[in-house]
Amino acid sequence: MEKTFQVGDTVRLKSGGPVMTYEGAGAYSGAICSWFDGGKLVREGFTLATLEAAPLAR
């Protein structure tokens, strides 16, 4: 069964990388995620199977 996330959940790629915010479903059963790279907002689509839940860094 494929993992599901709620809008606003923090996620990251299973292979590592920045903590991202899950924004919702994208095309082709994907996920739209956003994060900040320095001061720039980045938004990208990912395959759900490549994501895992991530704790929010405080």
PDB file of N, CA and C in Angstrom:
ATOM      1  N   MET A   1       0.839  -1.180   0.000  1.00  0.00           N
ATOM      2  CA  MET A   1       0.000   0.000   0.000  1.00  0.00           C
ATOM      3  C   MET A   1       0.887   1.246   0.000  1.00  0.00           C
ATOM      4  N   GLU A   2       0.552   2.201  -0.833  1.00  0.00           N
ATOM      5  CA  GLU A   2       1.354   3.407  -0.951  1.00  0.00           C
ATOM      6  C   GLU A   2       1.067   4.361   0.207  1.00  0.00           C
ATOM      7  N   LYS A   3       2.095   4.987   0.709  1.00  0.00           N
ATOM      8  CA  LYS A   3       1.971   5.917   1.830  1.00  0.00           C
ATOM      9  C   LYS A   3       1.181   7.150   1.393  1.00  0.00           C
ATOM     10  N   THR A   4       0.369   7.668   2.282  1.00  0.00           N
ATOM     11  CA  THR A   4      -0.360   8.899   1.995  1.00  0.00           C
ATOM     12  C   THR A   4       0.065   9.969   2.993  1.00  0.00           C
ATOM     13  N   PHE A   5       0.041  11.184   2.541  1.00  0.00           N
ATOM     14  CA  PHE A   5       0.405  12.324   3.368  1.00  0.00           C
ATOM     15  C   PHE A   5      -0.739  13.321   3.347  1.00  0.00           C
ATOM     16  N   GLN A   6      -0.814  14.131   4.396  1.00  0.00           N
ATOM     17  CA  GLN A   6      -1.797  15.204   4.478  1.00  0.00           C
ATOM     18  C   GLN A   6      -1.112  16.514   4.092  1.00  0.00           C
ATOM     19  N   VAL A   7      -1.862  17.426   3.490  1.00  0.00           N
ATOM     20  CA  VAL A   7      -1.319  18.736   3.145  1.00  0.00           C
ATOM     21  C   VAL A   7      -0.722  19.365   4.396  1.00  0.00           C
ATOM     22  N   GLY A   8       0.506  19.839   4.291  1.00  0.00           N
ATOM     23  CA  GLY A   8       1.212  20.451   5.417  1.00  0.00           C
ATOM     24  C   GLY A   8       2.174  19.515   6.127  1.00  0.00           C
ATOM     25  N   ASP A   9       2.106  18.207   5.851  1.00  0.00           N
ATOM     26  CA  ASP A   9       3.053  17.267   6.448  1.00  0.00           C
ATOM     27  C   ASP A   9       4.465  17.573   5.979  1.00  0.00           C
ATOM     28  N   THR A  10       5.439  17.301   6.832  1.00  0.00           N
ATOM     29  CA  THR A  10       6.834  17.442   6.424  1.00  0.00           C
ATOM     30  C   THR A  10       7.335  16.086   5.930  1.00  0.00           C
ATOM     31  N   VAL A  11       8.021  16.125   4.804  1.00  0.00           N
ATOM     32  CA  VAL A  11       8.520  14.921   4.146  1.00  0.00           C
ATOM     33  C   VAL A  11       9.936  15.168   3.662  1.00  0.00           C
ATOM     34  N   ARG A  12      10.593  14.093   3.273  1.00  0.00           N
ATOM     35  CA  ARG A  12      11.890  14.219   2.600  1.00  0.00           C
ATOM     36  C   ARG A  12      12.047  13.020   1.691  1.00  0.00           C
ATOM     37  N   LEU A  13      12.958  13.129   0.755  1.00  0.00           N
ATOM     38  CA  LEU A  13      13.256  11.999  -0.113  1.00  0.00           C
ATOM     39  C   LEU A  13      13.901  10.894   0.707  1.00  0.00           C
ATOM     40  N   LYS A  14      13.583   9.660   0.413  1.00  0.00           N
ATOM     41  CA  LYS A  14      14.191   8.530   1.121  1.00  0.00           C
ATOM     42  C   LYS A  14      15.702   8.536   0.964  1.00  0.00           C
ATOM     43  N   SER A  15      16.194   9.115  -0.114  1.00  0.00           N
ATOM     44  CA  SER A  15      17.630   9.179  -0.364  1.00  0.00           C
ATOM     45  C   SER A  15      18.298  10.358   0.348  1.00  0.00           C
ATOM     46  N   GLY A  16      17.508  11.175   1.057  1.00  0.00           N
ATOM     47  CA  GLY A  16      18.048  12.318   1.785  1.00  0.00           C
ATOM     48  C   GLY A  16      17.605  13.629   1.169  1.00  0.00           C
ATOM     49  N   GLY A  17      18.194  14.702   1.629  1.00  0.00           N
ATOM     50  CA  GLY A  17      17.844  16.018   1.112  1.00  0.00           C
ATOM     51  C   GLY A  17      17.121  16.847   2.142  1.00  0.00           C
ATOM     52  N   PRO A  18      16.623  18.025   1.718  1.00  0.00           N
ATOM     53  CA  PRO A  18      15.993  18.936   2.672  1.00  0.00           C
ATOM     54  C   PRO A  18      14.618  18.435   3.121  1.00  0.00           C
ATOM     55  N   VAL A  19      14.209  18.902   4.291  1.00  0.00           N
ATOM     56  CA  VAL A  19      12.836  18.663   4.734  1.00  0.00           C
ATOM     57  C   VAL A  19      11.944  19.557   3.883  1.00  0.00           C
ATOM     58  N   MET A  20      10.864  18.974   3.371  1.00  0.00           N
ATOM     59  CA  MET A  20       9.952  19.683   2.477  1.00  0.00           C
ATOM     60  C   MET A  20       8.546  19.647   3.052  1.00  0.00           C
ATOM     61  N   THR A  21       7.689  20.530   2.583  1.00  0.00           N
ATOM     62  CA  THR A  21       6.282  20.543   2.960  1.00  0.00           C
ATOM     63  C   THR A  21       5.469  19.929   1.833  1.00  0.00           C
ATOM     64  N   TYR A  22       4.650  18.940   2.165  1.00  0.00           N
ATOM     65  CA  TYR A  22       3.773  18.309   1.186  1.00  0.00           C
ATOM     66  C   TYR A  22       2.605  19.250   0.917  1.00  0.00           C
ATOM     67  N   GLU A  23       2.423  19.617  -0.364  1.00  0.00           N
ATOM     68  CA  GLU A  23       1.372  20.559  -0.741  1.00  0.00           C
ATOM     69  C   GLU A  23       0.148  19.880  -1.329  1.00  0.00           C
ATOM     70  N   GLY A  24       0.269  18.632  -1.707  1.00  0.00           N
ATOM     71  CA  GLY A  24      -0.881  17.927  -2.258  1.00  0.00           C
ATOM     72  C   GLY A  24      -0.490  17.034  -3.413  1.00  0.00           C
ATOM     73  N   ALA A  25      -1.501  16.380  -3.973  1.00  0.00           N
ATOM     74  CA  ALA A  25      -1.282  15.442  -5.066  1.00  0.00           C
ATOM     75  C   ALA A  25      -0.988  16.190  -6.359  1.00  0.00           C
ATOM     76  N   GLY A  26      -0.067  15.629  -7.112  1.00  0.00           N
ATOM     77  CA  GLY A  26       0.263  16.169  -8.418  1.00  0.00           C
ATOM     78  C   GLY A  26      -0.221  15.213  -9.494  1.00  0.00           C
ATOM     79  N   ALA A  27       0.166  15.456 -10.696  1.00  0.00           N
ATOM     80  CA  ALA A  27      -0.212  14.604 -11.820  1.00  0.00           C
ATOM     81  C   ALA A  27       0.436  13.225 -11.693  1.00  0.00           C
ATOM     82  N   TYR A  28      -0.201  12.236 -12.223  1.00  0.00           N
ATOM     83  CA  TYR A  28       0.345  10.873 -12.296  1.00  0.00           C
ATOM     84  C   TYR A  28       0.677  10.285 -10.932  1.00  0.00           C
ATOM     85  N   SER A  29      -0.211  10.460  -9.963  1.00  0.00           N
ATOM     86  CA  SER A  29      -0.037   9.918  -8.605  1.00  0.00           C
ATOM     87  C   SER A  29       1.238  10.422  -7.938  1.00  0.00           C
ATOM     88  N   GLY A  30       1.608  11.633  -8.226  1.00  0.00           N
ATOM     89  CA  GLY A  30       2.796  12.220  -7.628  1.00  0.00           C
ATOM     90  C   GLY A  30       2.444  13.138  -6.480  1.00  0.00           C
ATOM     91  N   ALA A  31       3.438  13.833  -6.003  1.00  0.00           N
ATOM     92  CA  ALA A  31       3.278  14.751  -4.883  1.00  0.00           C
ATOM     93  C   ALA A  31       3.956  16.067  -5.222  1.00  0.00           C
ATOM     94  N   ILE A  32       3.318  17.163  -4.861  1.00  0.00           N
ATOM     95  CA  ILE A  32       3.928  18.473  -5.006  1.00  0.00           C
ATOM     96  C   ILE A  32       4.463  18.868  -3.635  1.00  0.00           C
ATOM     97  N   CYS A  33       5.750  19.211  -3.589  1.00  0.00           N
ATOM     98  CA  CYS A  33       6.406  19.583  -2.333  1.00  0.00           C
ATOM     99  C   CYS A  33       7.116  20.918  -2.516  1.00  0.00           C
ATOM    100  N   SER A  34       7.281  21.645  -1.403  1.00  0.00           N
ATOM    101  CA  SER A  34       8.010  22.910  -1.454  1.00  0.00           C
ATOM    102  C   SER A  34       8.992  22.985  -0.289  1.00  0.00           C
ATOM    103  N   TRP A  35      10.042  23.779  -0.488  1.00  0.00           N
ATOM    104  CA  TRP A  35      11.056  24.009   0.541  1.00  0.00           C
ATOM    105  C   TRP A  35      11.801  25.272   0.176  1.00  0.00           C
ATOM    106  N   PHE A  36      12.588  25.775   1.101  1.00  0.00           N
ATOM    107  CA  PHE A  36      13.391  26.970   0.849  1.00  0.00           C
ATOM    108  C   PHE A  36      14.833  26.573   0.619  1.00  0.00           C
ATOM    109  N   ASP A  37      15.418  27.121  -0.436  1.00  0.00           N
ATOM    110  CA  ASP A  37      16.834  26.959  -0.749  1.00  0.00           C
ATOM    111  C   ASP A  37      17.447  28.333  -0.565  1.00  0.00           C
ATOM    112  N   GLY A  38      18.045  28.549   0.595  1.00  0.00           N
ATOM    113  CA  GLY A  38      18.459  29.905   0.951  1.00  0.00           C
ATOM    114  C   GLY A  38      17.187  30.705   1.183  1.00  0.00           C
ATOM    115  N   GLY A  39      17.013  31.800   0.499  1.00  0.00           N
ATOM    116  CA  GLY A  39      15.789  32.592   0.615  1.00  0.00           C
ATOM    117  C   GLY A  39      14.804  32.346  -0.502  1.00  0.00           C
ATOM    118  N   LYS A  40      15.101  31.383  -1.375  1.00  0.00           N
ATOM    119  CA  LYS A  40      14.268  31.143  -2.551  1.00  0.00           C
ATOM    120  C   LYS A  40      13.324  29.957  -2.315  1.00  0.00           C
ATOM    121  N   LEU A  41      12.032  30.169  -2.569  1.00  0.00           N
ATOM    122  CA  LEU A  41      11.050  29.101  -2.481  1.00  0.00           C
ATOM    123  C   LEU A  41      11.170  28.204  -3.708  1.00  0.00           C
ATOM    124  N   VAL A  42      11.263  26.897  -3.467  1.00  0.00           N
ATOM    125  CA  VAL A  42      11.357  25.915  -4.544  1.00  0.00           C
ATOM    126  C   VAL A  42      10.144  25.005  -4.442  1.00  0.00           C
ATOM    127  N   ARG A  43       9.531  24.693  -5.572  1.00  0.00           N
ATOM    128  CA  ARG A  43       8.373  23.800  -5.609  1.00  0.00           C
ATOM    129  C   ARG A  43       8.625  22.787  -6.720  1.00  0.00           C
ATOM    130  N   GLU A  44       8.437  21.494  -6.386  1.00  0.00           N
ATOM    131  CA  GLU A  44       8.754  20.430  -7.344  1.00  0.00           C
ATOM    132  C   GLU A  44       7.824  19.241  -7.119  1.00  0.00           C
ATOM    133  N   GLY A  45       7.666  18.443  -8.155  1.00  0.00           N
ATOM    134  CA  GLY A  45       6.871  17.226  -8.069  1.00  0.00           C
ATOM    135  C   GLY A  45       7.756  16.008  -7.863  1.00  0.00           C
ATOM    136  N   PHE A  46       7.263  15.060  -7.076  1.00  0.00           N
ATOM    137  CA  PHE A  46       7.991  13.823  -6.785  1.00  0.00           C
ATOM    138  C   PHE A  46       7.028  12.650  -6.843  1.00  0.00           C
ATOM    139  N   THR A  47       7.549  11.464  -7.077  1.00  0.00           N
ATOM    140  CA  THR A  47       6.772  10.242  -6.984  1.00  0.00           C
ATOM    141  C   THR A  47       6.568   9.929  -5.509  1.00  0.00           C
ATOM    142  N   LEU A  48       5.334   9.613  -5.117  1.00  0.00           N
ATOM    143  CA  LEU A  48       5.045   9.343  -3.700  1.00  0.00           C
ATOM    144  C   LEU A  48       5.940   8.268  -3.114  1.00  0.00           C
ATOM    145  N   ALA A  49       6.268   7.245  -3.889  1.00  0.00           N
ATOM    146  CA  ALA A  49       7.073   6.133  -3.389  1.00  0.00           C
ATOM    147  C   ALA A  49       8.485   6.564  -2.978  1.00  0.00           C
ATOM    148  N   THR A  50       8.938   7.742  -3.424  1.00  0.00           N
ATOM    149  CA  THR A  50      10.282   8.205  -3.088  1.00  0.00           C
ATOM    150  C   THR A  50      10.321   9.036  -1.817  1.00  0.00           C
ATOM    151  N   LEU A  51       9.150   9.294  -1.196  1.00  0.00           N
ATOM    152  CA  LEU A  51       9.062  10.169  -0.028  1.00  0.00           C
ATOM    153  C   LEU A  51       8.832   9.396   1.248  1.00  0.00           C
ATOM    154  N   GLU A  52       9.300   9.976   2.364  1.00  0.00           N
ATOM    155  CA  GLU A  52       9.023   9.432   3.688  1.00  0.00           C
ATOM    156  C   GLU A  52       8.713  10.595   4.619  1.00  0.00           C
ATOM    157  N   ALA A  53       8.016  10.320   5.704  1.00  0.00           N
ATOM    158  CA  ALA A  53       7.719  11.350   6.689  1.00  0.00           C
ATOM    159  C   ALA A  53       9.015  11.853   7.321  1.00  0.00           C
ATOM    160  N   ALA A  54       9.071  13.140   7.610  1.00  0.00           N
ATOM    161  CA  ALA A  54      10.264  13.724   8.228  1.00  0.00           C
ATOM    162  C   ALA A  54       9.835  14.574   9.401  1.00  0.00           C
ATOM    163  N   PRO A  55      10.574  14.496  10.518  1.00  0.00           N
ATOM    164  CA  PRO A  55      10.242  15.369  11.642  1.00  0.00           C
ATOM    165  C   PRO A  55      10.555  16.818  11.284  1.00  0.00           C
ATOM    166  N   LEU A  56       9.771  17.706  11.793  1.00  0.00           N
ATOM    167  CA  LEU A  56       9.979  19.123  11.544  1.00  0.00           C
ATOM    168  C   LEU A  56      11.137  19.612  12.402  1.00  0.00           C
ATOM    169  N   ALA A  57      12.182  20.126  11.762  1.00  0.00           N
ATOM    170  CA  ALA A  57      13.343  20.651  12.498  1.00  0.00           C
ATOM    171  C   ALA A  57      12.961  21.991  13.114  1.00  0.00           C
ATOM    172  N   ARG A  58      13.271  22.154  14.359  1.00  0.00           N
ATOM    173  CA  ARG A  58      12.944  23.418  15.055  1.00  0.00           C
ATOM    174  C   ARG A  58      14.209  24.083  15.512  1.00  0.00           C
TER     175      ARG A  58
END
